[in-house]
Amino acid sequence: KEREGVSCISRSGRTTNYADSVKGR
């Protein structure tokens, strides 16, 4: 499989992003 983004975070830590498959976990 291709490399996929799991989660990312801003420099301050205030903004985050999660792949749908891992949200809440």
mmCIF file of all heavy atoms, coordinates in Angstrom:
data_MODEL
# 
_entry.id   MODEL 
# 
loop_
_atom_site.group_PDB 
_atom_site.id 
_atom_site.type_symbol 
_atom_site.label_atom_id 
_atom_site.label_alt_id 
_atom_site.label_comp_id 
_atom_site.label_asym_id 
_atom_site.label_entity_id 
_atom_site.label_seq_id 
_atom_site.pdbx_PDB_ins_code 
_atom_site.Cartn_x 
_atom_site.Cartn_y 
_atom_site.Cartn_z 
_atom_site.occupancy 
_atom_site.B_iso_or_equiv 
_atom_site.pdbx_formal_charge 
_atom_site.auth_seq_id 
_atom_site.auth_comp_id 
_atom_site.auth_asym_id 
_atom_site.auth_atom_id 
_atom_site.pdbx_PDB_model_num 
ATOM 1   N N   . LYS A 1 1  ? 0.832   -1.200 0.000  1.00 0.00 ? 1  LYS A N   1 
ATOM 2   C CA  . LYS A 1 1  ? 0.000   0.000  0.000  1.00 0.00 ? 1  LYS A CA  1 
ATOM 3   C C   . LYS A 1 1  ? 0.871   1.257  0.000  1.00 0.00 ? 1  LYS A C   1 
ATOM 4   O O   . LYS A 1 1  ? 2.044   1.220  0.362  1.00 0.00 ? 1  LYS A O   1 
ATOM 5   C CB  . LYS A 1 1  ? -0.921  0.007  1.219  1.00 0.00 ? 1  LYS A CB  1 
ATOM 6   C CG  . LYS A 1 1  ? -1.959  -1.097 1.220  1.00 0.00 ? 1  LYS A CG  1 
ATOM 7   C CD  . LYS A 1 1  ? -2.942  -0.924 2.354  1.00 0.00 ? 1  LYS A CD  1 
ATOM 8   C CE  . LYS A 1 1  ? -4.032  -1.981 2.317  1.00 0.00 ? 1  LYS A CE  1 
ATOM 9   N NZ  . LYS A 1 1  ? -5.016  -1.804 3.415  1.00 0.00 ? 1  LYS A NZ  1 
ATOM 10  N N   . GLU A 1 2  ? 0.270   2.357  -0.409 1.00 0.00 ? 2  GLU A N   1 
ATOM 11  C CA  . GLU A 1 2  ? 0.972   3.635  -0.398 1.00 0.00 ? 2  GLU A CA  1 
ATOM 12  C C   . GLU A 1 2  ? 1.060   4.180  1.034  1.00 0.00 ? 2  GLU A C   1 
ATOM 13  O O   . GLU A 1 2  ? 0.250   3.839  1.893  1.00 0.00 ? 2  GLU A O   1 
ATOM 14  C CB  . GLU A 1 2  ? 0.237   4.644  -1.277 1.00 0.00 ? 2  GLU A CB  1 
ATOM 15  C CG  . GLU A 1 2  ? 0.276   4.323  -2.755 1.00 0.00 ? 2  GLU A CG  1 
ATOM 16  C CD  . GLU A 1 2  ? -0.325  5.425  -3.604 1.00 0.00 ? 2  GLU A CD  1 
ATOM 17  O OE1 . GLU A 1 2  ? -0.858  6.390  -3.042 1.00 0.00 ? 2  GLU A OE1 1 
ATOM 18  O OE2 . GLU A 1 2  ? -0.265  5.318  -4.842 1.00 0.00 ? 2  GLU A OE2 1 
ATOM 19  N N   . ARG A 1 3  ? 2.065   5.034  1.242  1.00 0.00 ? 3  ARG A N   1 
ATOM 20  C CA  . ARG A 1 3  ? 2.193   5.686  2.533  1.00 0.00 ? 3  ARG A CA  1 
ATOM 21  C C   . ARG A 1 3  ? 1.011   6.637  2.739  1.00 0.00 ? 3  ARG A C   1 
ATOM 22  O O   . ARG A 1 3  ? 0.660   7.402  1.831  1.00 0.00 ? 3  ARG A O   1 
ATOM 23  C CB  . ARG A 1 3  ? 3.511   6.442  2.604  1.00 0.00 ? 3  ARG A CB  1 
ATOM 24  C CG  . ARG A 1 3  ? 3.874   6.957  3.980  1.00 0.00 ? 3  ARG A CG  1 
ATOM 25  C CD  . ARG A 1 3  ? 5.301   7.452  4.037  1.00 0.00 ? 3  ARG A CD  1 
ATOM 26  N NE  . ARG A 1 3  ? 6.265   6.380  3.757  1.00 0.00 ? 3  ARG A NE  1 
ATOM 27  C CZ  . ARG A 1 3  ? 7.567   6.511  3.920  1.00 0.00 ? 3  ARG A CZ  1 
ATOM 28  N NH1 . ARG A 1 3  ? 8.076   7.670  4.349  1.00 0.00 ? 3  ARG A NH1 1 
ATOM 29  N NH2 . ARG A 1 3  ? 8.376   5.508  3.642  1.00 0.00 ? 3  ARG A NH2 1 
ATOM 30  N N   . GLU A 1 4  ? 0.408   6.586  3.916  1.00 0.00 ? 4  GLU A N   1 
ATOM 31  C CA  . GLU A 1 4  ? -0.748  7.431  4.178  1.00 0.00 ? 4  GLU A CA  1 
ATOM 32  C C   . GLU A 1 4  ? -0.553  8.245  5.452  1.00 0.00 ? 4  GLU A C   1 
ATOM 33  O O   . GLU A 1 4  ? 0.112   7.801  6.393  1.00 0.00 ? 4  GLU A O   1 
ATOM 34  C CB  . GLU A 1 4  ? -2.025  6.590  4.312  1.00 0.00 ? 4  GLU A CB  1 
ATOM 35  C CG  . GLU A 1 4  ? -2.044  5.653  5.498  1.00 0.00 ? 4  GLU A CG  1 
ATOM 36  C CD  . GLU A 1 4  ? -3.404  5.005  5.734  1.00 0.00 ? 4  GLU A CD  1 
ATOM 37  O OE1 . GLU A 1 4  ? -4.403  5.487  5.204  1.00 0.00 ? 4  GLU A OE1 1 
ATOM 38  O OE2 . GLU A 1 4  ? -3.443  4.027  6.508  1.00 0.00 ? 4  GLU A OE2 1 
ATOM 39  N N   . GLY A 1 5  ? -1.141  9.418  5.461  1.00 0.00 ? 5  GLY A N   1 
ATOM 40  C CA  . GLY A 1 5  ? -1.076  10.260 6.641  1.00 0.00 ? 5  GLY A CA  1 
ATOM 41  C C   . GLY A 1 5  ? -2.017  9.737  7.720  1.00 0.00 ? 5  GLY A C   1 
ATOM 42  O O   . GLY A 1 5  ? -3.185  9.488  7.457  1.00 0.00 ? 5  GLY A O   1 
ATOM 43  N N   . VAL A 1 6  ? -1.496  9.572  8.909  1.00 0.00 ? 6  VAL A N   1 
ATOM 44  C CA  . VAL A 1 6  ? -2.285  9.132  10.052 1.00 0.00 ? 6  VAL A CA  1 
ATOM 45  C C   . VAL A 1 6  ? -2.769  10.339 10.845 1.00 0.00 ? 6  VAL A C   1 
ATOM 46  O O   . VAL A 1 6  ? -3.946  10.471 11.141 1.00 0.00 ? 6  VAL A O   1 
ATOM 47  C CB  . VAL A 1 6  ? -1.456  8.201  10.958 1.00 0.00 ? 6  VAL A CB  1 
ATOM 48  C CG1 . VAL A 1 6  ? -2.238  7.841  12.214 1.00 0.00 ? 6  VAL A CG1 1 
ATOM 49  C CG2 . VAL A 1 6  ? -1.022  6.963  10.195 1.00 0.00 ? 6  VAL A CG2 1 
ATOM 50  N N   . SER A 1 7  ? -1.836  11.221 11.175 1.00 0.00 ? 7  SER A N   1 
ATOM 51  C CA  . SER A 1 7  ? -2.178  12.394 11.962 1.00 0.00 ? 7  SER A CA  1 
ATOM 52  C C   . SER A 1 7  ? -1.086  13.431 11.824 1.00 0.00 ? 7  SER A C   1 
ATOM 53  O O   . SER A 1 7  ? 0.093   13.090 11.725 1.00 0.00 ? 7  SER A O   1 
ATOM 54  C CB  . SER A 1 7  ? -2.352  12.009 13.436 1.00 0.00 ? 7  SER A CB  1 
ATOM 55  O OG  . SER A 1 7  ? -2.741  13.132 14.202 1.00 0.00 ? 7  SER A OG  1 
ATOM 56  N N   . CYS A 1 8  ? -1.482  14.693 11.840 1.00 0.00 ? 8  CYS A N   1 
ATOM 57  C CA  . CYS A 1 8  ? -0.535  15.793 11.746 1.00 0.00 ? 8  CYS A CA  1 
ATOM 58  C C   . CYS A 1 8  ? -0.910  16.879 12.758 1.00 0.00 ? 8  CYS A C   1 
ATOM 59  O O   . CYS A 1 8  ? -2.064  16.959 13.188 1.00 0.00 ? 8  CYS A O   1 
ATOM 60  C CB  . CYS A 1 8  ? -0.508  16.378 10.343 1.00 0.00 ? 8  CYS A CB  1 
ATOM 61  S SG  . CYS A 1 8  ? 0.039   15.201 9.084  1.00 0.00 ? 8  CYS A SG  1 
ATOM 62  N N   . ILE A 1 9  ? 0.066   17.693 13.109 1.00 0.00 ? 9  ILE A N   1 
ATOM 63  C CA  . ILE A 1 9  ? -0.154  18.702 14.139 1.00 0.00 ? 9  ILE A CA  1 
ATOM 64  C C   . ILE A 1 9  ? 0.628   19.962 13.796 1.00 0.00 ? 9  ILE A C   1 
ATOM 65  O O   . ILE A 1 9  ? 1.718   19.906 13.229 1.00 0.00 ? 9  ILE A O   1 
ATOM 66  C CB  . ILE A 1 9  ? 0.253   18.142 15.521 1.00 0.00 ? 9  ILE A CB  1 
ATOM 67  C CG1 . ILE A 1 9  ? -0.166  19.067 16.657 1.00 0.00 ? 9  ILE A CG1 1 
ATOM 68  C CG2 . ILE A 1 9  ? 1.748   17.848 15.575 1.00 0.00 ? 9  ILE A CG2 1 
ATOM 69  C CD1 . ILE A 1 9  ? -0.039  18.408 18.040 1.00 0.00 ? 9  ILE A CD1 1 
ATOM 70  N N   . SER A 1 10 ? 0.032   21.097 14.144 1.00 0.00 ? 10 SER A N   1 
ATOM 71  C CA  . SER A 1 10 ? 0.658   22.382 13.844 1.00 0.00 ? 10 SER A CA  1 
ATOM 72  C C   . SER A 1 10 ? 1.840   22.649 14.775 1.00 0.00 ? 10 SER A C   1 
ATOM 73  O O   . SER A 1 10 ? 2.077   21.926 15.731 1.00 0.00 ? 10 SER A O   1 
ATOM 74  C CB  . SER A 1 10 ? -0.377  23.502 13.996 1.00 0.00 ? 10 SER A CB  1 
ATOM 75  O OG  . SER A 1 10 ? -0.830  23.564 15.348 1.00 0.00 ? 10 SER A OG  1 
ATOM 76  N N   . ARG A 1 11 ? 2.560   23.732 14.488 1.00 0.00 ? 11 ARG A N   1 
ATOM 77  C CA  . ARG A 1 11 ? 3.737   24.072 15.283 1.00 0.00 ? 11 ARG A CA  1 
ATOM 78  C C   . ARG A 1 11 ? 3.374   24.345 16.735 1.00 0.00 ? 11 ARG A C   1 
ATOM 79  O O   . ARG A 1 11 ? 4.122   23.983 17.652 1.00 0.00 ? 11 ARG A O   1 
ATOM 80  C CB  . ARG A 1 11 ? 4.444   25.285 14.673 1.00 0.00 ? 11 ARG A CB  1 
ATOM 81  C CG  . ARG A 1 11 ? 5.078   25.005 13.328 1.00 0.00 ? 11 ARG A CG  1 
ATOM 82  C CD  . ARG A 1 11 ? 5.659   26.247 12.718 1.00 0.00 ? 11 ARG A CD  1 
ATOM 83  N NE  . ARG A 1 11 ? 4.632   27.236 12.417 1.00 0.00 ? 11 ARG A NE  1 
ATOM 84  C CZ  . ARG A 1 11 ? 4.879   28.435 11.905 1.00 0.00 ? 11 ARG A CZ  1 
ATOM 85  N NH1 . ARG A 1 11 ? 6.119   28.793 11.645 1.00 0.00 ? 11 ARG A NH1 1 
ATOM 86  N NH2 . ARG A 1 11 ? 3.908   29.270 11.638 1.00 0.00 ? 11 ARG A NH2 1 
ATOM 87  N N   . SER A 1 12 ? 2.237   24.956 16.961 1.00 0.00 ? 12 SER A N   1 
ATOM 88  C CA  . SER A 1 12 ? 1.823   25.286 18.328 1.00 0.00 ? 12 SER A CA  1 
ATOM 89  C C   . SER A 1 12 ? 1.177   24.121 19.041 1.00 0.00 ? 12 SER A C   1 
ATOM 90  O O   . SER A 1 12 ? 1.076   24.112 20.264 1.00 0.00 ? 12 SER A O   1 
ATOM 91  C CB  . SER A 1 12 ? 0.833   26.457 18.294 1.00 0.00 ? 12 SER A CB  1 
ATOM 92  O OG  . SER A 1 12 ? -0.379  26.043 17.683 1.00 0.00 ? 12 SER A OG  1 
ATOM 93  N N   . GLY A 1 13 ? 0.704   23.154 18.253 1.00 0.00 ? 13 GLY A N   1 
ATOM 94  C CA  . GLY A 1 13 ? -0.028  22.033 18.833 1.00 0.00 ? 13 GLY A CA  1 
ATOM 95  C C   . GLY A 1 13 ? -1.518  22.265 18.925 1.00 0.00 ? 13 GLY A C   1 
ATOM 96  O O   . GLY A 1 13 ? -2.256  21.370 19.332 1.00 0.00 ? 13 GLY A O   1 
ATOM 97  N N   . ARG A 1 14 ? -1.968  23.450 18.531 1.00 0.00 ? 14 ARG A N   1 
ATOM 98  C CA  . ARG A 1 14 ? -3.390  23.771 18.679 1.00 0.00 ? 14 ARG A CA  1 
ATOM 99  C C   . ARG A 1 14 ? -4.250  23.176 17.575 1.00 0.00 ? 14 ARG A C   1 
ATOM 100 O O   . ARG A 1 14 ? -5.450  22.994 17.752 1.00 0.00 ? 14 ARG A O   1 
ATOM 101 C CB  . ARG A 1 14 ? -3.571  25.292 18.717 1.00 0.00 ? 14 ARG A CB  1 
ATOM 102 C CG  . ARG A 1 14 ? -3.094  25.929 20.020 1.00 0.00 ? 14 ARG A CG  1 
ATOM 103 C CD  . ARG A 1 14 ? -3.574  27.365 20.123 1.00 0.00 ? 14 ARG A CD  1 
ATOM 104 N NE  . ARG A 1 14 ? -2.944  28.226 19.136 1.00 0.00 ? 14 ARG A NE  1 
ATOM 105 C CZ  . ARG A 1 14 ? -1.850  28.924 19.370 1.00 0.00 ? 14 ARG A CZ  1 
ATOM 106 N NH1 . ARG A 1 14 ? -1.257  28.847 20.549 1.00 0.00 ? 14 ARG A NH1 1 
ATOM 107 N NH2 . ARG A 1 14 ? -1.337  29.703 18.436 1.00 0.00 ? 14 ARG A NH2 1 
ATOM 108 N N   . THR A 1 15 ? -3.660  22.870 16.433 1.00 0.00 ? 15 THR A N   1 
ATOM 109 C CA  . THR A 1 15 ? -4.414  22.325 15.307 1.00 0.00 ? 15 THR A CA  1 
ATOM 110 C C   . THR A 1 15 ? -3.926  20.925 14.990 1.00 0.00 ? 15 THR A C   1 
ATOM 111 O O   . THR A 1 15 ? -2.728  20.699 14.829 1.00 0.00 ? 15 THR A O   1 
ATOM 112 C CB  . THR A 1 15 ? -4.256  23.208 14.065 1.00 0.00 ? 15 THR A CB  1 
ATOM 113 O OG1 . THR A 1 15 ? -4.672  24.536 14.380 1.00 0.00 ? 15 THR A OG1 1 
ATOM 114 C CG2 . THR A 1 15 ? -5.102  22.672 12.913 1.00 0.00 ? 15 THR A CG2 1 
ATOM 115 N N   . THR A 1 16 ? -4.874  20.003 14.913 1.00 0.00 ? 16 THR A N   1 
ATOM 116 C CA  . THR A 1 16 ? -4.532  18.620 14.587 1.00 0.00 ? 16 THR A CA  1 
ATOM 117 C C   . THR A 1 16 ? -5.427  18.106 13.462 1.00 0.00 ? 16 THR A C   1 
ATOM 118 O O   . THR A 1 16 ? -6.488  18.663 13.189 1.00 0.00 ? 16 THR A O   1 
ATOM 119 C CB  . THR A 1 16 ? -4.698  17.697 15.810 1.00 0.00 ? 16 THR A CB  1 
ATOM 120 O OG1 . THR A 1 16 ? -6.056  17.778 16.268 1.00 0.00 ? 16 THR A OG1 1 
ATOM 121 C CG2 . THR A 1 16 ? -3.761  18.101 16.935 1.00 0.00 ? 16 THR A CG2 1 
ATOM 122 N N   . ASN A 1 17 ? -4.962  17.051 12.824 1.00 0.00 ? 17 ASN A N   1 
ATOM 123 C CA  . ASN A 1 17 ? -5.729  16.403 11.769 1.00 0.00 ? 17 ASN A CA  1 
ATOM 124 C C   . ASN A 1 17 ? -5.547  14.892 11.899 1.00 0.00 ? 17 ASN A C   1 
ATOM 125 O O   . ASN A 1 17 ? -4.442  14.427 12.219 1.00 0.00 ? 17 ASN A O   1 
ATOM 126 C CB  . ASN A 1 17 ? -5.237  16.865 10.393 1.00 0.00 ? 17 ASN A CB  1 
ATOM 127 C CG  . ASN A 1 17 ? -6.063  16.274 9.268  1.00 0.00 ? 17 ASN A CG  1 
ATOM 128 O OD1 . ASN A 1 17 ? -7.164  16.724 8.996  1.00 0.00 ? 17 ASN A OD1 1 
ATOM 129 N ND2 . ASN A 1 17 ? -5.541  15.249 8.613  1.00 0.00 ? 17 ASN A ND2 1 
ATOM 130 N N   . TYR A 1 18 ? -6.622  14.153 11.687 1.00 0.00 ? 18 TYR A N   1 
ATOM 131 C CA  . TYR A 1 18 ? -6.569  12.706 11.781 1.00 0.00 ? 18 TYR A CA  1 
ATOM 132 C C   . TYR A 1 18 ? -7.210  12.069 10.561 1.00 0.00 ? 18 TYR A C   1 
ATOM 133 O O   . TYR A 1 18 ? -8.218  12.561 10.042 1.00 0.00 ? 18 TYR A O   1 
ATOM 134 C CB  . TYR A 1 18 ? -7.312  12.217 13.030 1.00 0.00 ? 18 TYR A CB  1 
ATOM 135 C CG  . TYR A 1 18 ? -6.677  12.638 14.336 1.00 0.00 ? 18 TYR A CG  1 
ATOM 136 C CD1 . TYR A 1 18 ? -7.075  13.807 14.979 1.00 0.00 ? 18 TYR A CD1 1 
ATOM 137 C CD2 . TYR A 1 18 ? -5.676  11.869 14.917 1.00 0.00 ? 18 TYR A CD2 1 
ATOM 138 C CE1 . TYR A 1 18 ? -6.491  14.201 16.162 1.00 0.00 ? 18 TYR A CE1 1 
ATOM 139 C CE2 . TYR A 1 18 ? -5.082  12.254 16.113 1.00 0.00 ? 18 TYR A CE2 1 
ATOM 140 C CZ  . TYR A 1 18 ? -5.489  13.416 16.726 1.00 0.00 ? 18 TYR A CZ  1 
ATOM 141 O OH  . TYR A 1 18 ? -4.910  13.809 17.905 1.00 0.00 ? 18 TYR A OH  1 
ATOM 142 N N   . ALA A 1 19 ? -6.658  10.955 10.134 1.00 0.00 ? 19 ALA A N   1 
ATOM 143 C CA  . ALA A 1 19 ? -7.319  10.150 9.118  1.00 0.00 ? 19 ALA A CA  1 
ATOM 144 C C   . ALA A 1 19 ? -8.621  9.617  9.708  1.00 0.00 ? 19 ALA A C   1 
ATOM 145 O O   . ALA A 1 19 ? -8.703  9.337  10.908 1.00 0.00 ? 19 ALA A O   1 
ATOM 146 C CB  . ALA A 1 19 ? -6.414  8.992  8.697  1.00 0.00 ? 19 ALA A CB  1 
ATOM 147 N N   . ASP A 1 20 ? -9.623  9.482  8.865  1.00 0.00 ? 20 ASP A N   1 
ATOM 148 C CA  . ASP A 1 20 ? -10.923 9.008  9.346  1.00 0.00 ? 20 ASP A CA  1 
ATOM 149 C C   . ASP A 1 20 ? -10.804 7.658  10.045 1.00 0.00 ? 20 ASP A C   1 
ATOM 150 O O   . ASP A 1 20 ? -11.524 7.387  11.008 1.00 0.00 ? 20 ASP A O   1 
ATOM 151 C CB  . ASP A 1 20 ? -11.912 8.901  8.175  1.00 0.00 ? 20 ASP A CB  1 
ATOM 152 C CG  . ASP A 1 20 ? -12.363 10.262 7.669  1.00 0.00 ? 20 ASP A CG  1 
ATOM 153 O OD1 . ASP A 1 20 ? -12.204 11.263 8.401  1.00 0.00 ? 20 ASP A OD1 1 
ATOM 154 O OD2 . ASP A 1 20 ? -12.867 10.312 6.540  1.00 0.00 ? 20 ASP A OD2 1 
ATOM 155 N N   . SER A 1 21 ? -9.901  6.827  9.573  1.00 0.00 ? 21 SER A N   1 
ATOM 156 C CA  . SER A 1 21 ? -9.770  5.472  10.100 1.00 0.00 ? 21 SER A CA  1 
ATOM 157 C C   . SER A 1 21 ? -9.238  5.426  11.530 1.00 0.00 ? 21 SER A C   1 
ATOM 158 O O   . SER A 1 21 ? -9.356  4.400  12.200 1.00 0.00 ? 21 SER A O   1 
ATOM 159 C CB  . SER A 1 21 ? -8.851  4.643  9.195  1.00 0.00 ? 21 SER A CB  1 
ATOM 160 O OG  . SER A 1 21 ? -7.573  5.249  9.110  1.00 0.00 ? 21 SER A OG  1 
ATOM 161 N N   . VAL A 1 22 ? -8.646  6.528  12.014 1.00 0.00 ? 22 VAL A N   1 
ATOM 162 C CA  . VAL A 1 22 ? -8.074  6.514  13.358 1.00 0.00 ? 22 VAL A CA  1 
ATOM 163 C C   . VAL A 1 22 ? -8.722  7.530  14.302 1.00 0.00 ? 22 VAL A C   1 
ATOM 164 O O   . VAL A 1 22 ? -8.369  7.587  15.485 1.00 0.00 ? 22 VAL A O   1 
ATOM 165 C CB  . VAL A 1 22 ? -6.546  6.762  13.324 1.00 0.00 ? 22 VAL A CB  1 
ATOM 166 C CG1 . VAL A 1 22 ? -5.867  5.784  12.366 1.00 0.00 ? 22 VAL A CG1 1 
ATOM 167 C CG2 . VAL A 1 22 ? -6.216  8.194  12.948 1.00 0.00 ? 22 VAL A CG2 1 
ATOM 168 N N   . LYS A 1 23 ? -9.660  8.318  13.804 1.00 0.00 ? 23 LYS A N   1 
ATOM 169 C CA  . LYS A 1 23 ? -10.307 9.330  14.646 1.00 0.00 ? 23 LYS A CA  1 
ATOM 170 C C   . LYS A 1 23 ? -10.964 8.678  15.862 1.00 0.00 ? 23 LYS A C   1 
ATOM 171 O O   . LYS A 1 23 ? -11.626 7.660  15.753 1.00 0.00 ? 23 LYS A O   1 
ATOM 172 C CB  . LYS A 1 23 ? -11.358 10.092 13.838 1.00 0.00 ? 23 LYS A CB  1 
ATOM 173 C CG  . LYS A 1 23 ? -10.791 11.172 12.941 1.00 0.00 ? 23 LYS A CG  1 
ATOM 174 C CD  . LYS A 1 23 ? -11.896 11.901 12.187 1.00 0.00 ? 23 LYS A CD  1 
ATOM 175 C CE  . LYS A 1 23 ? -11.311 12.962 11.265 1.00 0.00 ? 23 LYS A CE  1 
ATOM 176 N NZ  . LYS A 1 23 ? -12.358 13.632 10.457 1.00 0.00 ? 23 LYS A NZ  1 
ATOM 177 N N   . GLY A 1 24 ? -10.739 9.290  17.017 1.00 0.00 ? 24 GLY A N   1 
ATOM 178 C CA  . GLY A 1 24 ? -11.313 8.764  18.242 1.00 0.00 ? 24 GLY A CA  1 
ATOM 179 C C   . GLY A 1 24 ? -10.483 7.678  18.896 1.00 0.00 ? 24 GLY A C   1 
ATOM 180 O O   . GLY A 1 24 ? -10.756 7.290  20.041 1.00 0.00 ? 24 GLY A O   1 
ATOM 181 N N   . ARG A 1 25 ? -9.459  7.184  18.186 1.00 0.00 ? 25 ARG A N   1 
ATOM 182 C CA  . ARG A 1 25 ? -8.617  6.119  18.741 1.00 0.00 ? 25 ARG A CA  1 
ATOM 183 C C   . ARG A 1 25 ? -7.165  6.579  18.935 1.00 0.00 ? 25 ARG A C   1 
ATOM 184 O O   . ARG A 1 25 ? -6.493  6.134  19.867 1.00 0.00 ? 25 ARG A O   1 
ATOM 185 C CB  . ARG A 1 25 ? -8.627  4.908  17.811 1.00 0.00 ? 25 ARG A CB  1 
ATOM 186 C CG  . ARG A 1 25 ? -10.001 4.312  17.597 1.00 0.00 ? 25 ARG A CG  1 
ATOM 187 C CD  . ARG A 1 25 ? -9.916  2.979  16.845 1.00 0.00 ? 25 ARG A CD  1 
ATOM 188 N NE  . ARG A 1 25 ? -9.370  3.127  15.494 1.00 0.00 ? 25 ARG A NE  1 
ATOM 189 C CZ  . ARG A 1 25 ? -8.283  2.496  15.052 1.00 0.00 ? 25 ARG A CZ  1 
ATOM 190 N NH1 . ARG A 1 25 ? -7.617  1.676  15.859 1.00 0.00 ? 25 ARG A NH1 1 
ATOM 191 N NH2 . ARG A 1 25 ? -7.857  2.674  13.812 1.00 0.00 ? 25 ARG A NH2 1 
# 
